[in-house]
Amino acid sequence: MSDYETIKRAIEFLDSRHTPPGLEELATFLGLSVFQTQRLFARWAGISPKRFTQAIVAEKARLKLLSQENVLQTSLDVGLSGPGRLHDLTVNVYGATPGEIRTLGADLTITWGYAESPLGLALIAATPRGICALSFLDNESDEGPLARLKKEWCSATLYRDDTRAEELSALIFSGFRGEIADPIHVYVQGTNFQIRVWRALLEIPSGEISSYGEIAEKVQSPRASRAVGGAVGANPVAVLIPCHRVLRSNGDLGGYHWGLERKRILLALELKDPV
């Protein structure tokens, strides 16, 4: 059985359990020793089985909190002993308390719209604190980017303003036209690990590239190249958080959420004339 199939069985097992299992119980289910289970998770995900289990339980809790379930009930539903354990878990994984997750985006107005860009049509969304989404799409009938925005900021008030989106597009891509680009703030949310990866991406200078393994080293998780790839792919703000500057260690382009052609164009523009 491949590592992927074994990990898939582990996830299905974790999802089926009301109370998070211990390492020995998980190893027994997988037909492995405790040592083999630890090696498997380190090799495949770059993290320990305990950390992996915490991430799955935390995501279950996050979805329940976003659906406005109260903190006590959420704690019990995901198999924790009470709000204190839930608090420790969500702060550890997301850097936010259960209450903060539950009210995420409350009293926040997000202005969003469609705008043309050098890379085609873009959906751009902004809060008073900064850009919170920048996605590329082929046409407005592609509802994926807007659906993602609504899901990630489910408690916020969304207001469409294409004129403002056009203004932001001009500002964001001014550097690609040879103009002096003004600093642009972003306002994003993610797990602690995702935020660390995105910060590492911001440190890659324009005109240079890095690899998933090098990013893993920067965030002090040298075995977590696969998890780094997941965090890079989850980047909600294209270009401004330059996930396009990350390639595979063999030089292949790897993936890009908004299409490899756009990744090639961005890299060519920056390598020719760093922004």
Protein backbone atom coordinates (compact mmCIF):
# COMPACT_ATOMS: atom_id res chain seq x y z
CA MET A 1 0.00 0.00 0.00
CA SER A 2 1.37 3.42 -0.96
CA ASP A 3 1.98 6.21 1.55
CA TYR A 4 -0.93 8.15 0.04
CA GLU A 5 -3.36 5.25 0.48
CA THR A 6 -2.23 4.76 4.08
CA ILE A 7 -2.61 8.46 4.87
CA LYS A 8 -6.04 8.40 3.21
CA ARG A 9 -7.07 5.54 5.51
CA ALA A 10 -5.74 7.48 8.49
CA ILE A 11 -7.81 10.55 7.57
CA GLU A 12 -10.94 8.44 7.12
CA PHE A 13 -10.29 6.85 10.51
CA LEU A 14 -9.81 10.22 12.19
CA ASP A 15 -12.98 11.56 10.57
CA SER A 16 -14.97 8.59 11.85
CA ARG A 17 -13.90 9.03 15.44
CA HIS A 18 -15.73 11.28 17.86
CA THR A 19 -12.74 11.42 20.21
CA PRO A 20 -9.27 11.95 18.70
CA PRO A 21 -7.36 8.64 18.94
CA GLY A 22 -3.94 8.29 20.49
CA LEU A 23 -0.86 7.37 18.48
CA GLU A 24 -0.94 3.69 19.49
CA GLU A 25 -4.60 3.35 18.48
CA LEU A 26 -3.95 5.00 15.12
CA ALA A 27 -0.91 2.79 14.51
CA THR A 28 -2.91 -0.34 15.33
CA PHE A 29 -5.65 0.64 12.90
CA LEU A 30 -3.08 1.19 10.14
CA GLY A 31 -1.35 -2.10 10.90
CA LEU A 32 1.91 -0.34 11.67
CA SER A 33 4.15 0.05 14.69
CA VAL A 34 4.23 3.37 16.51
CA PHE A 35 7.69 4.01 15.05
CA GLN A 36 6.53 3.21 11.50
CA THR A 37 3.53 5.52 11.91
CA GLN A 38 5.74 8.39 13.06
CA ARG A 39 8.12 7.79 10.14
CA LEU A 40 5.22 7.70 7.68
CA PHE A 41 3.80 11.05 8.77
CA ALA A 42 7.24 12.66 8.91
CA ARG A 43 7.98 11.38 5.40
CA TRP A 44 4.62 12.22 3.82
CA ALA A 45 3.48 15.36 5.67
CA GLY A 46 6.58 16.61 7.45
CA ILE A 47 4.72 16.73 10.78
CA SER A 48 4.01 14.33 13.62
CA PRO A 49 0.82 12.21 13.79
CA LYS A 50 -0.23 14.27 16.82
CA ARG A 51 0.10 17.54 14.92
CA PHE A 52 -1.73 16.04 11.95
CA THR A 53 -4.59 14.92 14.19
CA GLN A 54 -4.75 18.36 15.81
CA ALA A 55 -5.08 19.99 12.39
CA ILE A 56 -8.01 17.76 11.40
CA VAL A 57 -9.84 18.28 14.71
CA ALA A 58 -9.19 22.04 14.53
CA GLU A 59 -10.68 22.24 11.04
CA LYS A 60 -13.80 20.38 12.20
CA ALA A 61 -14.12 22.84 15.05
CA ARG A 62 -13.55 25.85 12.80
CA LEU A 63 -16.36 24.85 10.45
CA LYS A 64 -18.75 24.34 13.36
CA LEU A 65 -17.84 27.70 14.87
CA LEU A 66 -18.34 29.43 11.53
CA SER A 67 -21.82 27.91 11.37
CA GLN A 68 -22.47 29.80 14.63
CA GLU A 69 -22.45 26.77 16.91
CA ASN A 70 -21.56 27.78 20.47
CA VAL A 71 -18.12 27.11 21.89
CA LEU A 72 -19.16 24.50 24.48
CA GLN A 73 -21.15 22.44 21.99
CA THR A 74 -18.35 22.64 19.45
CA SER A 75 -15.88 21.37 22.05
CA LEU A 76 -18.05 18.35 22.79
CA ASP A 77 -18.87 17.69 19.13
CA VAL A 78 -15.20 17.37 18.15
CA GLY A 79 -14.38 15.16 21.13
CA LEU A 80 -12.69 17.65 23.43
CA SER A 81 -13.37 17.88 27.15
CA GLY A 82 -14.42 21.52 27.15
CA PRO A 83 -13.88 25.10 25.95
CA GLY A 84 -10.42 25.29 27.53
CA ARG A 85 -9.10 22.47 25.37
CA LEU A 86 -10.77 23.99 22.29
CA HIS A 87 -9.20 27.37 23.07
CA ASP A 88 -5.70 25.84 23.31
CA LEU A 89 -6.24 23.92 20.07
CA THR A 90 -7.47 26.80 17.91
CA VAL A 91 -4.84 29.23 19.22
CA ASN A 92 -2.15 26.64 18.48
CA VAL A 93 -3.38 25.90 14.95
CA TYR A 94 -5.00 29.15 13.79
CA GLY A 95 -3.60 31.77 16.12
CA ALA A 96 -7.17 32.74 17.04
CA THR A 97 -9.51 31.96 19.92
CA PRO A 98 -12.80 30.11 19.30
CA GLY A 99 -14.68 33.36 19.83
CA GLU A 100 -12.56 35.16 17.26
CA ILE A 101 -13.12 32.39 14.74
CA ARG A 102 -16.87 32.39 15.40
CA THR A 103 -17.19 36.12 14.73
CA LEU A 104 -14.66 36.22 11.90
CA GLY A 105 -15.42 39.12 9.63
CA ALA A 106 -18.22 40.48 11.80
CA ASP A 107 -18.53 44.27 11.46
CA LEU A 108 -16.15 44.10 8.49
CA THR A 109 -17.07 45.46 5.06
CA ILE A 110 -15.30 43.97 2.07
CA THR A 111 -15.40 45.78 -1.25
CA TRP A 112 -14.95 43.43 -4.18
CA GLY A 113 -15.24 43.57 -7.93
CA TYR A 114 -13.98 42.36 -11.29
CA ALA A 115 -11.20 44.19 -13.10
CA GLU A 116 -8.97 43.70 -16.11
CA SER A 117 -5.30 43.06 -15.42
CA PRO A 118 -2.18 42.18 -17.44
CA LEU A 119 -3.02 38.55 -16.67
CA GLY A 120 -6.68 38.68 -17.65
CA LEU A 121 -9.83 39.17 -15.62
CA ALA A 122 -9.29 39.35 -11.86
CA LEU A 123 -11.46 39.36 -8.80
CA ILE A 124 -10.05 41.81 -6.27
CA ALA A 125 -11.40 42.28 -2.75
CA ALA A 126 -10.25 44.72 -0.10
CA THR A 127 -10.94 45.59 3.52
CA PRO A 128 -9.96 48.85 5.22
CA ARG A 129 -6.84 46.99 6.38
CA GLY A 130 -5.71 45.78 2.97
CA ILE A 131 -6.28 43.44 0.01
CA CYS A 132 -7.85 40.18 1.17
CA ALA A 133 -8.32 38.42 -2.17
CA LEU A 134 -6.86 38.55 -5.65
CA SER A 135 -7.79 35.73 -8.01
CA PHE A 136 -7.63 35.33 -11.77
CA LEU A 137 -10.46 33.87 -13.82
CA ASP A 138 -11.40 33.47 -17.46
CA ASN A 139 -14.82 35.11 -17.18
CA GLU A 140 -17.39 36.23 -14.61
CA SER A 141 -19.31 32.97 -14.97
CA ASP A 142 -16.51 31.33 -12.98
CA GLU A 143 -18.02 31.59 -9.51
CA GLY A 144 -15.15 29.83 -7.73
CA PRO A 145 -13.20 32.91 -6.56
CA LEU A 146 -16.32 34.67 -5.28
CA ALA A 147 -17.52 31.52 -3.52
CA ARG A 148 -14.13 31.21 -1.83
CA LEU A 149 -14.28 34.84 -0.71
CA LYS A 150 -17.73 34.36 0.79
CA LYS A 151 -16.66 31.17 2.55
CA GLU A 152 -13.49 32.65 4.04
CA TRP A 153 -15.22 35.84 5.20
CA CYS A 154 -18.67 34.42 5.89
CA SER A 155 -19.59 36.98 8.57
CA ALA A 156 -18.45 40.04 6.61
CA THR A 157 -20.63 42.36 4.56
CA LEU A 158 -19.65 42.16 0.88
CA TYR A 159 -20.21 45.13 -1.42
CA ARG A 160 -19.53 44.98 -5.16
CA ASP A 161 -17.67 47.92 -6.71
CA ASP A 162 -16.00 47.21 -10.06
CA THR A 163 -14.69 50.78 -10.30
CA ARG A 164 -12.76 50.35 -7.08
CA ALA A 165 -11.48 46.98 -8.29
CA GLU A 166 -10.16 48.66 -11.46
CA GLU A 167 -8.37 51.27 -9.34
CA LEU A 168 -6.79 48.57 -7.21
CA SER A 169 -5.76 46.60 -10.31
CA ALA A 170 -3.98 49.67 -11.69
CA LEU A 171 -2.18 50.13 -8.37
CA ILE A 172 -1.24 46.46 -7.97
CA PHE A 173 0.15 46.06 -11.48
CA SER A 174 1.78 49.48 -11.81
CA GLY A 175 5.20 47.90 -11.29
CA PHE A 176 4.75 45.70 -14.34
CA ARG A 177 4.38 48.85 -16.46
CA GLY A 178 7.71 50.21 -15.30
CA GLU A 179 6.16 52.61 -12.79
CA ILE A 180 7.26 52.95 -9.18
CA ALA A 181 4.85 50.76 -7.25
CA ASP A 182 3.49 52.10 -3.96
CA PRO A 183 3.48 49.73 -0.96
CA ILE A 184 0.29 47.68 -0.81
CA HIS A 185 -1.05 46.11 2.36
CA VAL A 186 -2.66 42.67 2.43
CA TYR A 187 -5.08 41.39 5.05
CA VAL A 188 -5.31 37.61 4.99
CA GLN A 189 -6.24 34.80 7.32
CA GLY A 190 -4.86 31.29 7.59
CA THR A 191 -3.36 28.76 9.95
CA ASN A 192 -0.17 29.60 11.80
CA PHE A 193 1.74 27.38 9.37
CA GLN A 194 0.17 29.01 6.29
CA ILE A 195 1.00 32.49 7.59
CA ARG A 196 4.63 31.45 8.17
CA VAL A 197 4.84 30.12 4.62
CA TRP A 198 3.25 33.25 3.14
CA ARG A 199 5.69 35.44 5.05
CA ALA A 200 8.54 33.38 3.61
CA LEU A 201 7.13 33.93 0.12
CA LEU A 202 7.19 37.69 0.69
CA GLU A 203 10.93 37.45 1.34
CA ILE A 204 11.65 36.10 -2.16
CA PRO A 205 12.87 39.11 -4.18
CA SER A 206 11.32 39.88 -7.55
CA GLY A 207 13.36 38.22 -10.30
CA GLU A 208 14.42 35.35 -8.06
CA ILE A 209 12.93 31.93 -7.38
CA SER A 210 12.87 29.43 -4.55
CA SER A 211 11.87 25.79 -4.09
CA TYR A 212 9.33 24.15 -1.81
CA GLY A 213 12.20 22.55 0.10
CA GLU A 214 13.90 25.91 0.63
CA ILE A 215 10.66 27.42 1.92
CA ALA A 216 10.29 24.44 4.27
CA GLU A 217 13.76 25.20 5.63
CA LYS A 218 12.86 28.87 6.11
CA VAL A 219 9.79 28.02 8.19
CA GLN A 220 11.89 25.56 10.21
CA SER A 221 10.00 22.50 8.96
CA PRO A 222 12.61 20.91 6.66
CA ARG A 223 10.57 17.74 6.09
CA ALA A 224 7.36 19.60 5.30
CA SER A 225 7.81 20.27 1.57
CA ARG A 226 4.43 18.70 0.83
CA ALA A 227 2.71 20.79 3.52
CA VAL A 228 4.47 23.89 2.18
CA GLY A 229 3.03 23.09 -1.24
CA GLY A 230 -0.46 23.02 0.30
CA ALA A 231 0.09 26.38 1.98
CA VAL A 232 1.46 27.91 -1.21
CA GLY A 233 -1.59 26.67 -3.11
CA ALA A 234 -3.91 28.15 -0.48
CA ASN A 235 -2.54 31.67 -1.00
CA PRO A 236 -5.61 33.94 -1.37
CA VAL A 237 -3.75 36.91 -2.86
CA ALA A 238 -2.04 36.25 -6.18
CA VAL A 239 1.04 38.31 -7.15
CA LEU A 240 1.13 40.33 -3.91
CA ILE A 241 2.06 37.18 -2.01
CA PRO A 242 4.34 35.81 -4.75
CA CYS A 243 3.61 32.09 -4.73
CA HIS A 244 4.53 32.05 -8.45
CA ARG A 245 8.20 32.36 -7.44
CA VAL A 246 8.26 28.82 -6.00
CA LEU A 247 9.34 25.95 -8.26
CA ARG A 248 10.09 22.30 -7.72
CA SER A 249 13.65 21.42 -6.71
CA ASN A 250 14.33 20.00 -10.20
CA GLY A 251 13.40 23.32 -11.81
CA ASP A 252 9.94 22.29 -13.01
CA LEU A 253 7.24 24.92 -12.66
CA GLY A 254 5.13 22.76 -10.37
CA GLY A 255 1.57 23.96 -9.98
CA TYR A 256 -0.17 27.31 -9.89
CA HIS A 257 -3.71 27.84 -8.69
CA TRP A 258 -4.48 30.30 -11.51
CA GLY A 259 -2.86 28.36 -14.38
CA LEU A 260 0.71 27.60 -15.42
CA GLU A 261 0.57 30.05 -18.33
CA ARG A 262 0.06 32.91 -15.89
CA LYS A 263 2.93 31.59 -13.77
CA ARG A 264 5.21 31.55 -16.81
CA ILE A 265 4.21 35.10 -17.73
CA LEU A 266 4.83 36.42 -14.22
CA LEU A 267 8.23 34.77 -13.98
CA ALA A 268 9.22 36.02 -17.44
CA LEU A 269 8.21 39.58 -16.61
CA GLU A 270 10.09 39.57 -13.33
CA LEU A 271 13.22 37.86 -14.65
CA LYS A 272 13.38 40.34 -17.52
CA ASP A 273 12.76 43.42 -15.40
CA PRO A 274 12.41 42.80 -11.63
CA VAL A 275 9.53 44.82 -10.20
